[in-house]
Amino acid sequence: MKDPGCGCCSAWVEILRADGFEVGGGEERQATLPARYKRDSGIPLQMASCHTARIQGYGIEGHVPAADIRRLLAERPDAVGLSVPGMPYGSPGMGAEPQREAYDGFLIRRNGGTSDFSHYAAA
């Protein structure tokens, strides 16, 4: 679920499509629906970002790299999904990767807790 006018969300979608993922619509204009969708999907507030996706029963919150999604699907942990909270520069869809700032990906556990899943160093 994303705002149809959001350029970074659209860029993330195009990156996933180029990596072989099928990505559906999910555009929403009403301000309260994305927040409700995140909550109902088990995404804690501190893990929120600008868009939320679903794949094979997992929530994907924010600019999560395709490699992390593939790892999640291969390992199949008992979890809500993954998040790259905020909008870190250089994450997929958020600007030039060669100028990337350091960021972390988190596994969101079913009890609402999180654990480190991946780390991307500054470029």
PDB file of N, CA and C in Angstrom:
ATOM      1  N   MET A   1       0.852  -1.162   0.000  1.00  0.00           N
ATOM      2  CA  MET A   1       0.000   0.000   0.000  1.00  0.00           C
ATOM      3  C   MET A   1       0.896   1.223   0.000  1.00  0.00           C
ATOM      4  N   LYS A   2       0.639   2.112  -0.953  1.00  0.00           N
ATOM      5  CA  LYS A   2       1.442   3.318  -1.071  1.00  0.00           C
ATOM      6  C   LYS A   2       0.600   4.445  -1.626  1.00  0.00           C
ATOM      7  N   ASP A   3       1.093   5.652  -1.470  1.00  0.00           N
ATOM      8  CA  ASP A   3       0.458   6.807  -2.089  1.00  0.00           C
ATOM      9  C   ASP A   3       0.837   6.800  -3.570  1.00  0.00           C
ATOM     10  N   PRO A   4      -0.129   6.965  -4.471  1.00  0.00           N
ATOM     11  CA  PRO A   4       0.182   6.892  -5.897  1.00  0.00           C
ATOM     12  C   PRO A   4       1.113   8.006  -6.378  1.00  0.00           C
ATOM     13  N   GLY A   5       1.237   9.093  -5.632  1.00  0.00           N
ATOM     14  CA  GLY A   5       2.105  10.190  -6.029  1.00  0.00           C
ATOM     15  C   GLY A   5       3.507  10.105  -5.463  1.00  0.00           C
ATOM     16  N   CYS A   6       3.816   9.055  -4.732  1.00  0.00           N
ATOM     17  CA  CYS A   6       5.113   8.951  -4.059  1.00  0.00           C
ATOM     18  C   CYS A   6       6.167   8.407  -5.027  1.00  0.00           C
ATOM     19  N   GLY A   7       7.124   9.225  -5.356  1.00  0.00           N
ATOM     20  CA  GLY A   7       8.173   8.820  -6.292  1.00  0.00           C
ATOM     21  C   GLY A   7       9.093   7.751  -5.757  1.00  0.00           C
ATOM     22  N   CYS A   8       9.440   7.821  -4.466  1.00  0.00           N
ATOM     23  CA  CYS A   8      10.361   6.817  -3.928  1.00  0.00           C
ATOM     24  C   CYS A   8       9.692   5.447  -3.833  1.00  0.00           C
ATOM     25  N   CYS A   9       8.389   5.430  -3.535  1.00  0.00           N
ATOM     26  CA  CYS A   9       7.665   4.155  -3.495  1.00  0.00           C
ATOM     27  C   CYS A   9       7.619   3.543  -4.889  1.00  0.00           C
ATOM     28  N   SER A  10       7.333   4.358  -5.884  1.00  0.00           N
ATOM     29  CA  SER A  10       7.289   3.876  -7.262  1.00  0.00           C
ATOM     30  C   SER A  10       8.658   3.389  -7.703  1.00  0.00           C
ATOM     31  N   ALA A  11       9.718   4.060  -7.289  1.00  0.00           N
ATOM     32  CA  ALA A  11      11.071   3.629  -7.640  1.00  0.00           C
ATOM     33  C   ALA A  11      11.379   2.275  -7.008  1.00  0.00           C
ATOM     34  N   TRP A  12      10.964   2.063  -5.754  1.00  0.00           N
ATOM     35  CA  TRP A  12      11.179   0.769  -5.090  1.00  0.00           C
ATOM     36  C   TRP A  12      10.446  -0.334  -5.839  1.00  0.00           C
ATOM     37  N   VAL A  13       9.207  -0.066  -6.249  1.00  0.00           N
ATOM     38  CA  VAL A  13       8.426  -1.043  -7.003  1.00  0.00           C
ATOM     39  C   VAL A  13       9.152  -1.411  -8.296  1.00  0.00           C
ATOM     40  N   GLU A  14       9.675  -0.423  -9.003  1.00  0.00           N
ATOM     41  CA  GLU A  14      10.375  -0.697 -10.266  1.00  0.00           C
ATOM     42  C   GLU A  14      11.654  -1.509 -10.031  1.00  0.00           C
ATOM     43  N   ILE A  15      12.343  -1.257  -8.935  1.00  0.00           N
ATOM     44  CA  ILE A  15      13.539  -2.043  -8.595  1.00  0.00           C
ATOM     45  C   ILE A  15      13.153  -3.494  -8.349  1.00  0.00           C
ATOM     46  N   LEU A  16      12.069  -3.724  -7.606  1.00  0.00           N
ATOM     47  CA  LEU A  16      11.621  -5.097  -7.362  1.00  0.00           C
ATOM     48  C   LEU A  16      11.192  -5.778  -8.655  1.00  0.00           C
ATOM     49  N   ARG A  17      10.476  -5.070  -9.507  1.00  0.00           N
ATOM     50  CA  ARG A  17      10.063  -5.659 -10.793  1.00  0.00           C
ATOM     51  C   ARG A  17      11.288  -6.036 -11.626  1.00  0.00           C
ATOM     52  N   ALA A  18      12.289  -5.169 -11.657  1.00  0.00           N
ATOM     53  CA  ALA A  18      13.509  -5.455 -12.419  1.00  0.00           C
ATOM     54  C   ALA A  18      14.244  -6.666 -11.852  1.00  0.00           C
ATOM     55  N   ASP A  19      14.024  -6.950 -10.563  1.00  0.00           N
ATOM     56  CA  ASP A  19      14.659  -8.106  -9.913  1.00  0.00           C
ATOM     57  C   ASP A  19      13.793  -9.360 -10.018  1.00  0.00           C
ATOM     58  N   GLY A  20      12.689  -9.285 -10.742  1.00  0.00           N
ATOM     59  CA  GLY A  20      11.871 -10.463 -10.994  1.00  0.00           C
ATOM     60  C   GLY A  20      10.643 -10.637 -10.125  1.00  0.00           C
ATOM     61  N   PHE A  21      10.353  -9.698  -9.242  1.00  0.00           N
ATOM     62  CA  PHE A  21       9.159  -9.789  -8.402  1.00  0.00           C
ATOM     63  C   PHE A  21       7.941  -9.269  -9.161  1.00  0.00           C
ATOM     64  N   GLU A  22       6.789  -9.900  -8.949  1.00  0.00           N
ATOM     65  CA  GLU A  22       5.525  -9.374  -9.452  1.00  0.00           C
ATOM     66  C   GLU A  22       4.984  -8.436  -8.385  1.00  0.00           C
ATOM     67  N   VAL A  23       4.695  -7.215  -8.767  1.00  0.00           N
ATOM     68  CA  VAL A  23       4.217  -6.220  -7.816  1.00  0.00           C
ATOM     69  C   VAL A  23       2.876  -5.700  -8.301  1.00  0.00           C
ATOM     70  N   GLY A  24       1.865  -5.815  -7.424  1.00  0.00           N
ATOM     71  CA  GLY A  24       0.524  -5.345  -7.766  1.00  0.00           C
ATOM     72  C   GLY A  24       0.321  -3.896  -7.393  1.00  0.00           C
ATOM     73  N   GLY A  25      -0.930  -3.447  -7.468  1.00  0.00           N
ATOM     74  CA  GLY A  25      -1.316  -2.063  -7.202  1.00  0.00           C
ATOM     75  C   GLY A  25      -1.120  -1.664  -5.769  1.00  0.00           C
ATOM     76  N   GLY A  26      -2.235  -1.477  -5.068  1.00  0.00           N
ATOM     77  CA  GLY A  26      -2.159  -1.106  -3.658  1.00  0.00           C
ATOM     78  C   GLY A  26      -2.013   0.369  -3.412  1.00  0.00           C
ATOM     79  N   GLU A  27      -2.322   1.202  -4.399  1.00  0.00           N
ATOM     80  CA  GLU A  27      -2.219   2.634  -4.174  1.00  0.00           C
ATOM     81  C   GLU A  27      -3.428   3.126  -3.390  1.00  0.00           C
ATOM     82  N   GLU A  28      -3.178   4.044  -2.481  1.00  0.00           N
ATOM     83  CA  GLU A  28      -4.247   4.527  -1.610  1.00  0.00           C
ATOM     84  C   GLU A  28      -4.076   6.007  -1.364  1.00  0.00           C
ATOM     85  N   ARG A  29      -5.157   6.747  -1.443  1.00  0.00           N
ATOM     86  CA  ARG A  29      -5.114   8.192  -1.233  1.00  0.00           C
ATOM     87  C   ARG A  29      -5.584   8.619   0.151  1.00  0.00           C
ATOM     88  N   GLN A  30      -6.338   7.819   0.841  1.00  0.00           N
ATOM     89  CA  GLN A  30      -6.857   8.217   2.144  1.00  0.00           C
ATOM     90  C   GLN A  30      -5.761   8.084   3.200  1.00  0.00           C
ATOM     91  N   ALA A  31      -5.536   9.147   3.934  1.00  0.00           N
ATOM     92  CA  ALA A  31      -4.414   9.224   4.867  1.00  0.00           C
ATOM     93  C   ALA A  31      -4.479   8.175   5.967  1.00  0.00           C
ATOM     94  N   THR A  32      -5.656   7.793   6.429  1.00  0.00           N
ATOM     95  CA  THR A  32      -5.727   6.863   7.556  1.00  0.00           C
ATOM     96  C   THR A  32      -5.570   5.405   7.147  1.00  0.00           C
ATOM     97  N   LEU A  33      -5.847   5.067   5.901  1.00  0.00           N
ATOM     98  CA  LEU A  33      -5.799   3.660   5.497  1.00  0.00           C
ATOM     99  C   LEU A  33      -4.398   3.051   5.563  1.00  0.00           C
ATOM    100  N   PRO A  34      -3.331   3.726   5.088  1.00  0.00           N
ATOM    101  CA  PRO A  34      -2.010   3.107   5.228  1.00  0.00           C
ATOM    102  C   PRO A  34      -1.627   2.827   6.679  1.00  0.00           C
ATOM    103  N   ALA A  35      -1.916   3.762   7.591  1.00  0.00           N
ATOM    104  CA  ALA A  35      -1.589   3.548   9.000  1.00  0.00           C
ATOM    105  C   ALA A  35      -2.370   2.366   9.565  1.00  0.00           C
ATOM    106  N   ARG A  36      -3.636   2.272   9.221  1.00  0.00           N
ATOM    107  CA  ARG A  36      -4.461   1.152   9.683  1.00  0.00           C
ATOM    108  C   ARG A  36      -3.956  -0.164   9.094  1.00  0.00           C
ATOM    109  N   TYR A  37      -3.575  -0.160   7.822  1.00  0.00           N
ATOM    110  CA  TYR A  37      -3.059  -1.364   7.168  1.00  0.00           C
ATOM    111  C   TYR A  37      -1.768  -1.836   7.853  1.00  0.00           C
ATOM    112  N   LYS A  38      -0.878  -0.900   8.170  1.00  0.00           N
ATOM    113  CA  LYS A  38       0.362  -1.251   8.861  1.00  0.00           C
ATOM    114  C   LYS A  38       0.041  -1.889  10.214  1.00  0.00           C
ATOM    115  N   ARG A  39      -0.816  -1.232  10.984  1.00  0.00           N
ATOM    116  CA  ARG A  39      -1.190  -1.752  12.309  1.00  0.00           C
ATOM    117  C   ARG A  39      -1.808  -3.134  12.188  1.00  0.00           C
ATOM    118  N   ASP A  40      -2.756  -3.278  11.279  1.00  0.00           N
ATOM    119  CA  ASP A  40      -3.429  -4.565  11.106  1.00  0.00           C
ATOM    120  C   ASP A  40      -2.489  -5.652  10.592  1.00  0.00           C
ATOM    121  N   SER A  41      -1.401  -5.247   9.929  1.00  0.00           N
ATOM    122  CA  SER A  41      -0.415  -6.201   9.418  1.00  0.00           C
ATOM    123  C   SER A  41       0.647  -6.557  10.454  1.00  0.00           C
ATOM    124  N   GLY A  42       0.584  -5.927  11.645  1.00  0.00           N
ATOM    125  CA  GLY A  42       1.546  -6.230  12.707  1.00  0.00           C
ATOM    126  C   GLY A  42       2.825  -5.439  12.645  1.00  0.00           C
ATOM    127  N   ILE A  43       2.826  -4.325  11.909  1.00  0.00           N
ATOM    128  CA  ILE A  43       4.021  -3.479  11.803  1.00  0.00           C
ATOM    129  C   ILE A  43       4.031  -2.503  12.973  1.00  0.00           C
ATOM    130  N   PRO A  44       5.014  -2.618  13.895  1.00  0.00           N
ATOM    131  CA  PRO A  44       5.077  -1.667  15.015  1.00  0.00           C
ATOM    132  C   PRO A  44       5.376  -0.247  14.519  1.00  0.00           C
ATOM    133  N   LEU A  45       4.879   0.733  15.220  1.00  0.00           N
ATOM    134  CA  LEU A  45       5.050   2.130  14.838  1.00  0.00           C
ATOM    135  C   LEU A  45       6.518   2.485  14.596  1.00  0.00           C
ATOM    136  N   GLN A  46       7.427   1.999  15.449  1.00  0.00           N
ATOM    137  CA  GLN A  46       8.840   2.349  15.312  1.00  0.00           C
ATOM    138  C   GLN A  46       9.489   1.703  14.085  1.00  0.00           C
ATOM    139  N   MET A  47       8.797   0.772  13.435  1.00  0.00           N
ATOM    140  CA  MET A  47       9.312   0.119  12.234  1.00  0.00           C
ATOM    141  C   MET A  47       8.684   0.671  10.965  1.00  0.00           C
ATOM    142  N   ALA A  48       7.835   1.688  11.089  1.00  0.00           N
ATOM    143  CA  ALA A  48       7.086   2.212   9.948  1.00  0.00           C
ATOM    144  C   ALA A  48       7.974   2.960   8.964  1.00  0.00           C
ATOM    145  N   SER A  49       7.513   2.947   7.731  1.00  0.00           N
ATOM    146  CA  SER A  49       8.133   3.689   6.639  1.00  0.00           C
ATOM    147  C   SER A  49       7.019   4.196   5.743  1.00  0.00           C
ATOM    148  N   CYS A  50       7.324   4.495   4.503  1.00  0.00           N
ATOM    149  CA  CYS A  50       6.328   5.135   3.640  1.00  0.00           C
ATOM    150  C   CYS A  50       5.416   4.165   2.901  1.00  0.00           C
ATOM    151  N   HIS A  51       5.741   2.902   2.804  1.00  0.00           N
ATOM    152  CA  HIS A  51       4.860   1.968   2.108  1.00  0.00           C
ATOM    153  C   HIS A  51       4.962   0.580   2.732  1.00  0.00           C
ATOM    154  N   THR A  52       3.937  -0.217   2.508  1.00  0.00           N
ATOM    155  CA  THR A  52       3.857  -1.572   3.050  1.00  0.00           C
ATOM    156  C   THR A  52       3.466  -2.518   1.932  1.00  0.00           C
ATOM    157  N   ALA A  53       4.151  -3.640   1.849  1.00  0.00           N
ATOM    158  CA  ALA A  53       3.835  -4.660   0.846  1.00  0.00           C
ATOM    159  C   ALA A  53       3.596  -5.987   1.556  1.00  0.00           C
ATOM    160  N   ARG A  54       3.003  -6.932   0.844  1.00  0.00           N
ATOM    161  CA  ARG A  54       2.786  -8.286   1.363  1.00  0.00           C
ATOM    162  C   ARG A  54       3.326  -9.268   0.333  1.00  0.00           C
ATOM    163  N   ILE A  55       4.019 -10.294   0.820  1.00  0.00           N
ATOM    164  CA  ILE A  55       4.479 -11.362  -0.047  1.00  0.00           C
ATOM    165  C   ILE A  55       4.472 -12.666   0.729  1.00  0.00           C
ATOM    166  N   GLN A  56       3.777 -13.631   0.204  1.00  0.00           N
ATOM    167  CA  GLN A  56       3.699 -14.969   0.787  1.00  0.00           C
ATOM    168  C   GLN A  56       3.456 -14.937   2.303  1.00  0.00           C
ATOM    169  N   GLY A  57       2.548 -14.065   2.720  1.00  0.00           N
ATOM    170  CA  GLY A  57       2.166 -13.988   4.122  1.00  0.00           C
ATOM    171  C   GLY A  57       3.025 -13.085   4.985  1.00  0.00           C
ATOM    172  N   TYR A  58       4.051 -12.493   4.432  1.00  0.00           N
ATOM    173  CA  TYR A  58       4.940 -11.596   5.174  1.00  0.00           C
ATOM    174  C   TYR A  58       4.669 -10.145   4.811  1.00  0.00           C
ATOM    175  N   GLY A  59       4.839  -9.255   5.798  1.00  0.00           N
ATOM    176  CA  GLY A  59       4.794  -7.823   5.554  1.00  0.00           C
ATOM    177  C   GLY A  59       6.187  -7.329   5.213  1.00  0.00           C
ATOM    178  N   ILE A  60       6.261  -6.436   4.263  1.00  0.00           N
ATOM    179  CA  ILE A  60       7.528  -5.804   3.873  1.00  0.00           C
ATOM    180  C   ILE A  60       7.303  -4.304   4.015  1.00  0.00           C
ATOM    181  N   GLU A  61       7.989  -3.705   4.961  1.00  0.00           N
ATOM    182  CA  GLU A  61       7.771  -2.303   5.305  1.00  0.00           C
ATOM    183  C   GLU A  61       8.958  -1.455   4.877  1.00  0.00           C
ATOM    184  N   GLY A  62       8.706  -0.528   3.977  1.00  0.00           N
ATOM    185  CA  GLY A  62       9.742   0.410   3.568  1.00  0.00           C
ATOM    186  C   GLY A  62      10.629  -0.105   2.452  1.00  0.00           C
ATOM    187  N   HIS A  63      11.783   0.488   2.351  1.00  0.00           N
ATOM    188  CA  HIS A  63      12.699   0.257   1.227  1.00  0.00           C
ATOM    189  C   HIS A  63      13.608  -0.947   1.465  1.00  0.00           C
ATOM    190  N   VAL A  64      12.990  -2.088   1.645  1.00  0.00           N
ATOM    191  CA  VAL A  64      13.702  -3.346   1.893  1.00  0.00           C
ATOM    192  C   VAL A  64      14.322  -3.826   0.587  1.00  0.00           C
ATOM    193  N   PRO A  65      15.622  -4.148   0.586  1.00  0.00           N
ATOM    194  CA  PRO A  65      16.265  -4.655  -0.624  1.00  0.00           C
ATOM    195  C   PRO A  65      15.698  -6.013  -1.060  1.00  0.00           C
ATOM    196  N   ALA A  66      15.700  -6.239  -2.357  1.00  0.00           N
ATOM    197  CA  ALA A  66      15.208  -7.498  -2.917  1.00  0.00           C
ATOM    198  C   ALA A  66      15.953  -8.697  -2.334  1.00  0.00           C
ATOM    199  N   ALA A  67      17.257  -8.561  -2.099  1.00  0.00           N
ATOM    200  CA  ALA A  67      18.035  -9.672  -1.540  1.00  0.00           C
ATOM    201  C   ALA A  67      17.516 -10.075  -0.159  1.00  0.00           C
ATOM    202  N   ASP A  68      17.090  -9.099   0.639  1.00  0.00           N
ATOM    203  CA  ASP A  68      16.537  -9.405   1.964  1.00  0.00           C
ATOM    204  C   ASP A  68      15.203 -10.142   1.837  1.00  0.00           C
ATOM    205  N   ILE A  69      14.392  -9.724   0.878  1.00  0.00           N
ATOM    206  CA  ILE A  69      13.107 -10.394   0.668  1.00  0.00           C
ATOM    207  C   ILE A  69      13.338 -11.845   0.234  1.00  0.00           C
ATOM    208  N   ARG A  70      14.283 -12.050  -0.666  1.00  0.00           N
ATOM    209  CA  ARG A  70      14.593 -13.418  -1.108  1.00  0.00           C
ATOM    210  C   ARG A  70      15.097 -14.274   0.062  1.00  0.00           C
ATOM    211  N   ARG A  71      15.927 -13.690   0.914  1.00  0.00           N
ATOM    212  CA  ARG A  71      16.419 -14.429   2.086  1.00  0.00           C
ATOM    213  C   ARG A  71      15.270 -14.783   3.023  1.00  0.00           C
ATOM    214  N   LEU A  72      14.375 -13.837   3.268  1.00  0.00           N
ATOM    215  CA  LEU A  72      13.206 -14.078   4.117  1.00  0.00           C
ATOM    216  C   LEU A  72      12.399 -15.259   3.573  1.00  0.00           C
ATOM    217  N   LEU A  73      12.152 -15.267   2.277  1.00  0.00           N
ATOM    218  CA  LEU A  73      11.353 -16.328   1.669  1.00  0.00           C
ATOM    219  C   LEU A  73      12.074 -17.673   1.678  1.00  0.00           C
ATOM    220  N   ALA A  74      13.391 -17.643   1.623  1.00  0.00           N
ATOM    221  CA  ALA A  74      14.165 -18.889   1.674  1.00  0.00           C
ATOM    222  C   ALA A  74      14.197 -19.460   3.086  1.00  0.00           C
ATOM    223  N   GLU A  75      14.357 -18.595   4.077  1.00  0.00           N
ATOM    224  CA  GLU A  75      14.475 -19.043   5.474  1.00  0.00           C
ATOM    225  C   GLU A  75      13.123 -19.292   6.133  1.00  0.00           C
ATOM    226  N   ARG A  76      12.086 -18.588   5.702  1.00  0.00           N
ATOM    227  CA  ARG A  76      10.715 -18.742   6.218  1.00  0.00           C
ATOM    228  C   ARG A  76      10.619 -18.695   7.753  1.00  0.00           C
ATOM    229  N   PRO A  77      11.156 -17.648   8.394  1.00  0.00           N
ATOM    230  CA  PRO A  77      11.038 -17.575   9.856  1.00  0.00           C
ATOM    231  C   PRO A  77       9.590 -17.339  10.280  1.00  0.00           C
ATOM    232  N   ASP A  78       9.285 -17.700  11.516  1.00  0.00           N
ATOM    233  CA  ASP A  78       7.966 -17.422  12.079  1.00  0.00           C
ATOM    234  C   ASP A  78       7.979 -15.955  12.506  1.00  0.00           C
ATOM    235  N   ALA A  79       7.569 -15.087  11.603  1.00  0.00           N
ATOM    236  CA  ALA A  79       7.678 -13.652  11.828  1.00  0.00           C
ATOM    237  C   ALA A  79       6.595 -12.916  11.052  1.00  0.00           C
ATOM    238  N   VAL A  80       6.405 -11.647  11.403  1.00  0.00           N
ATOM    239  CA  VAL A  80       5.488 -10.770  10.683  1.00  0.00           C
ATOM    240  C   VAL A  80       6.091 -10.394   9.337  1.00  0.00           C
ATOM    241  N   GLY A  81       7.388 -10.070   9.336  1.00  0.00           N
ATOM    242  CA  GLY A  81       8.041  -9.678   8.092  1.00  0.00           C
ATOM    243  C   GLY A  81       9.295  -8.872   8.330  1.00  0.00           C
ATOM    244  N   LEU A  82       9.614  -8.008   7.362  1.00  0.00           N
ATOM    245  CA  LEU A  82      10.835  -7.207   7.385  1.00  0.00           C
ATOM    246  C   LEU A  82      10.517  -5.721   7.335  1.00  0.00           C
ATOM    247  N   SER A  83      11.440  -4.928   7.854  1.00  0.00           N
ATOM    248  CA  SER A  83      11.308  -3.479   7.772  1.00  0.00           C
ATOM    249  C   SER A  83      12.669  -2.825   7.611  1.00  0.00           C
ATOM    250  N   VAL A  84      12.699  -1.788   6.791  1.00  0.00           N
ATOM    251  CA  VAL A  84      13.759  -0.791   6.799  1.00  0.00           C
ATOM    252  C   VAL A  84      13.029   0.487   7.218  1.00  0.00           C
ATOM    253  N   PRO A  85      13.055   0.789   8.533  1.00  0.00           N
ATOM    254  CA  PRO A  85      12.284   1.938   9.016  1.00  0.00           C
ATOM    255  C   PRO A  85      12.820   3.262   8.481  1.00  0.00           C
ATOM    256  N   GLY A  86      11.931   4.227   8.412  1.00  0.00           N
ATOM    257  CA  GLY A  86      12.312   5.534   7.891  1.00  0.00           C
ATOM    258  C   GLY A  86      12.519   5.458   6.393  1.00  0.00           C
ATOM    259  N   MET A  87      13.353   6.313   5.907  1.00  0.00           N
ATOM    260  CA  MET A  87      13.616   6.370   4.478  1.00  0.00           C
ATOM    261  C   MET A  87      15.100   6.663   4.262  1.00  0.00           C
ATOM    262  N   PRO A  88      15.996   5.717   4.601  1.00  0.00           N
ATOM    263  CA  PRO A  88      17.434   5.989   4.514  1.00  0.00           C
ATOM    264  C   PRO A  88      17.900   6.236   3.079  1.00  0.00           C
ATOM    265  N   TYR A  89      18.700   7.269   2.913  1.00  0.00           N
ATOM    266  CA  TYR A  89      19.213   7.612   1.593  1.00  0.00           C
ATOM    267  C   TYR A  89      20.097   6.483   1.068  1.00  0.00           C
ATOM    268  N   GLY A  90      19.853   6.117  -0.179  1.00  0.00           N
ATOM    269  CA  GLY A  90      20.638   5.071  -0.820  1.00  0.00           C
ATOM    270  C   GLY A  90      20.037   3.688  -0.698  1.00  0.00           C
ATOM    271  N   SER A  91      18.973   3.536   0.119  1.00  0.00           N
ATOM    272  CA  SER A  91      18.253   2.267   0.140  1.00  0.00           C
ATOM    273  C   SER A  91      17.474   2.176  -1.180  1.00  0.00           C
ATOM    274  N   PRO A  92      17.014   0.998  -1.576  1.00  0.00           N
ATOM    275  CA  PRO A  92      16.359   0.869  -2.877  1.00  0.00           C
ATOM    276  C   PRO A  92      15.189   1.851  -3.055  1.00  0.00           C
ATOM    277  N   GLY A  93      15.319   2.687  -4.073  1.00  0.00           N
ATOM    278  CA  GLY A  93      14.295   3.686  -4.363  1.00  0.00           C
ATOM    279  C   GLY A  93      14.525   5.027  -3.703  1.00  0.00           C
ATOM    280  N   MET A  94      15.562   5.122  -2.886  1.00  0.00           N
ATOM    281  CA  MET A  94      15.801   6.359  -2.122  1.00  0.00           C
ATOM    282  C   MET A  94      17.113   7.047  -2.494  1.00  0.00           C
ATOM    283  N   GLY A  95      17.404   7.143  -3.755  1.00  0.00           N
ATOM    284  CA  GLY A  95      18.585   7.879  -4.170  1.00  0.00           C
ATOM    285  C   GLY A  95      19.724   6.970  -4.584  1.00  0.00           C
ATOM    286  N   ALA A  96      20.826   7.601  -4.866  1.00  0.00           N
ATOM    287  CA  ALA A  96      21.986   6.916  -5.447  1.00  0.00           C
ATOM    288  C   ALA A  96      22.663   5.986  -4.447  1.00  0.00           C
ATOM    289  N   GLU A  97      22.721   4.709  -4.788  1.00  0.00           N
ATOM    290  CA  GLU A  97      23.365   3.733  -3.903  1.00  0.00           C
ATOM    291  C   GLU A  97      24.836   4.068  -3.648  1.00  0.00           C
ATOM    292  N   PRO A  98      25.586   4.599  -4.629  1.00  0.00           N
ATOM    293  CA  PRO A  98      26.984   4.952  -4.341  1.00  0.00           C
ATOM    294  C   PRO A  98      27.141   6.031  -3.272  1.00  0.00           C
ATOM    295  N   GLN A  99      26.050   6.709  -2.923  1.00  0.00           N
ATOM    296  CA  GLN A  99      26.075   7.733  -1.871  1.00  0.00           C
ATOM    297  C   GLN A  99      25.281   7.279  -0.648  1.00  0.00           C
ATOM    298  N   ARG A 100      25.064   5.981  -0.544  1.00  0.00           N
ATOM    299  CA  ARG A 100      24.202   5.414   0.499  1.00  0.00           C
ATOM    300  C   ARG A 100      24.700   5.748   1.902  1.00  0.00           C
ATOM    301  N   GLU A 101      23.727   6.066   2.784  1.00  0.00           N
ATOM    302  CA  GLU A 101      24.029   6.153   4.209  1.00  0.00           C
ATOM    303  C   GLU A 101      23.829   4.758   4.801  1.00  0.00           C
ATOM    304  N   ALA A 102      24.463   4.494   5.917  1.00  0.00           N
ATOM    305  CA  ALA A 102      24.313   3.186   6.557  1.00  0.00           C
ATOM    306  C   ALA A 102      22.877   3.000   7.025  1.00  0.00           C
ATOM    307  N   TYR A 103      22.375   1.776   6.882  1.00  0.00           N
ATOM    308  CA  TYR A 103      21.034   1.473   7.395  1.00  0.00           C
ATOM    309  C   TYR A 103      20.933  -0.001   7.726  1.00  0.00           C
ATOM    310  N   ASP A 104      19.918  -0.329   8.514  1.00  0.00           N
ATOM    311  CA  ASP A 104      19.682  -1.698   8.944  1.00  0.00           C
ATOM    312  C   ASP A 104      18.310  -2.175   8.500  1.00  0.00           C
ATOM    313  N   GLY A 105      18.226  -3.471   8.260  1.00  0.00           N
ATOM    314  CA  GLY A 105      16.955  -4.133   8.030  1.00  0.00           C
ATOM    315  C   GLY A 105      16.615  -4.941   9.271  1.00  0.00           C
ATOM    316  N   PHE A 106      15.350  -4.999   9.633  1.00  0.00           N
ATOM    317  CA  PHE A 106      14.917  -5.686  10.841  1.00  0.00           C
ATOM    318  C   PHE A 106      13.881  -6.753  10.528  1.00  0.00           C
ATOM    319  N   LEU A 107      13.968  -7.855  11.264  1.00  0.00           N
ATOM    320  CA  LEU A 107      12.937  -8.879  11.252  1.00  0.00           C
ATOM    321  C   LEU A 107      11.928  -8.495  12.320  1.00  0.00           C
ATOM    322  N   ILE A 108      10.661  -8.442  11.953  1.00  0.00           N
ATOM    323  CA  ILE A 108       9.605  -8.123  12.914  1.00  0.00           C
ATOM    324  C   ILE A 108       9.013  -9.440  13.396  1.00  0.00           C
ATOM    325  N   ARG A 109       9.142  -9.677  14.674  1.00  0.00           N
ATOM    326  CA  ARG A 109       8.655 -10.920  15.276  1.00  0.00           C
ATOM    327  C   ARG A 109       7.147 -10.818  15.567  1.00  0.00           C
ATOM    328  N   ARG A 110       6.512 -11.939  15.722  1.00  0.00           N
ATOM    329  CA  ARG A 110       5.062 -11.967  15.951  1.00  0.00           C
ATOM    330  C   ARG A 110       4.666 -11.324  17.287  1.00  0.00           C
ATOM    331  N   ASN A 111       5.585 -11.289  18.252  1.00  0.00           N
ATOM    332  CA  ASN A 111       5.274 -10.668  19.545  1.00  0.00           C
ATOM    333  C   ASN A 111       5.480  -9.152  19.526  1.00  0.00           C
ATOM    334  N   GLY A 112       5.807  -8.595  18.356  1.00  0.00           N
ATOM    335  CA  GLY A 112       6.022  -7.155  18.220  1.00  0.00           C
ATOM    336  C   GLY A 112       7.466  -6.744  18.376  1.00  0.00           C
ATOM    337  N   GLY A 113       8.305  -7.650  18.849  1.00  0.00           N
ATOM    338  CA  GLY A 113       9.728  -7.353  18.969  1.00  0.00           C
ATOM    339  C   GLY A 113      10.413  -7.407  17.611  1.00  0.00           C
ATOM    340  N   THR A 114      11.649  -6.965  17.589  1.00  0.00           N
ATOM    341  CA  THR A 114      12.427  -6.985  16.357  1.00  0.00           C
ATOM    342  C   THR A 114      13.819  -7.534  16.624  1.00  0.00           C
ATOM    343  N   SER A 115      14.466  -7.966  15.571  1.00  0.00           N
ATOM    344  CA  SER A 115      15.872  -8.358  15.648  1.00  0.00           C
ATOM    345  C   SER A 115      16.560  -7.944  14.365  1.00  0.00           C
ATOM    346  N   ASP A 116      17.869  -7.769  14.441  1.00  0.00           N
ATOM    347  CA  ASP A 116      18.646  -7.389  13.263  1.00  0.00           C
ATOM    348  C   ASP A 116      18.516  -8.469  12.204  1.00  0.00           C
ATOM    349  N   PHE A 117      18.350  -8.055  10.954  1.00  0.00           N
ATOM    350  CA  PHE A 117      18.264  -8.994   9.838  1.00  0.00           C
ATOM    351  C   PHE A 117      19.381  -8.739   8.830  1.00  0.00           C
ATOM    352  N   SER A 118      19.670  -7.456   8.597  1.00  0.00           N
ATOM    353  CA  SER A 118      20.721  -7.111   7.639  1.00  0.00           C
ATOM    354  C   SER A 118      21.302  -5.745   7.993  1.00  0.00           C
ATOM    355  N   HIS A 119      22.494  -5.501   7.497  1.00  0.00           N
ATOM    356  CA  HIS A 119      23.133  -4.192   7.687  1.00  0.00           C
ATOM    357  C   HIS A 119      23.772  -3.787   6.369  1.00  0.00           C
ATOM    358  N   TYR A 120      23.558  -2.553   6.009  1.00  0.00           N
ATOM    359  CA  TYR A 120      24.160  -1.984   4.802  1.00  0.00           C
ATOM    360  C   TYR A 120      25.022  -0.807   5.230  1.00  0.00           C
ATOM    361  N   ALA A 121      26.323  -0.952   5.030  1.00  0.00           N
ATOM    362  CA  ALA A 121      27.280   0.093   5.421  1.00  0.00           C
ATOM    363  C   ALA A 121      27.153   1.285   4.496  1.00  0.00           C
ATOM    364  N   ALA A 122      27.599   2.420   4.979  1.00  0.00           N
ATOM    365  CA  ALA A 122      27.627   3.605   4.141  1.00  0.00           C
ATOM    366  C   ALA A 122      28.566   3.353   2.958  1.00  0.00           C
ATOM    367  N   ALA A 123      28.215   3.901   1.820  1.00  0.00           N
ATOM    368  CA  ALA A 123      29.042   3.705   0.614  1.00  0.00           C
ATOM    369  C   ALA A 123      30.312   4.515   0.702  1.00  0.00           C
TER     370      ALA A 123
END
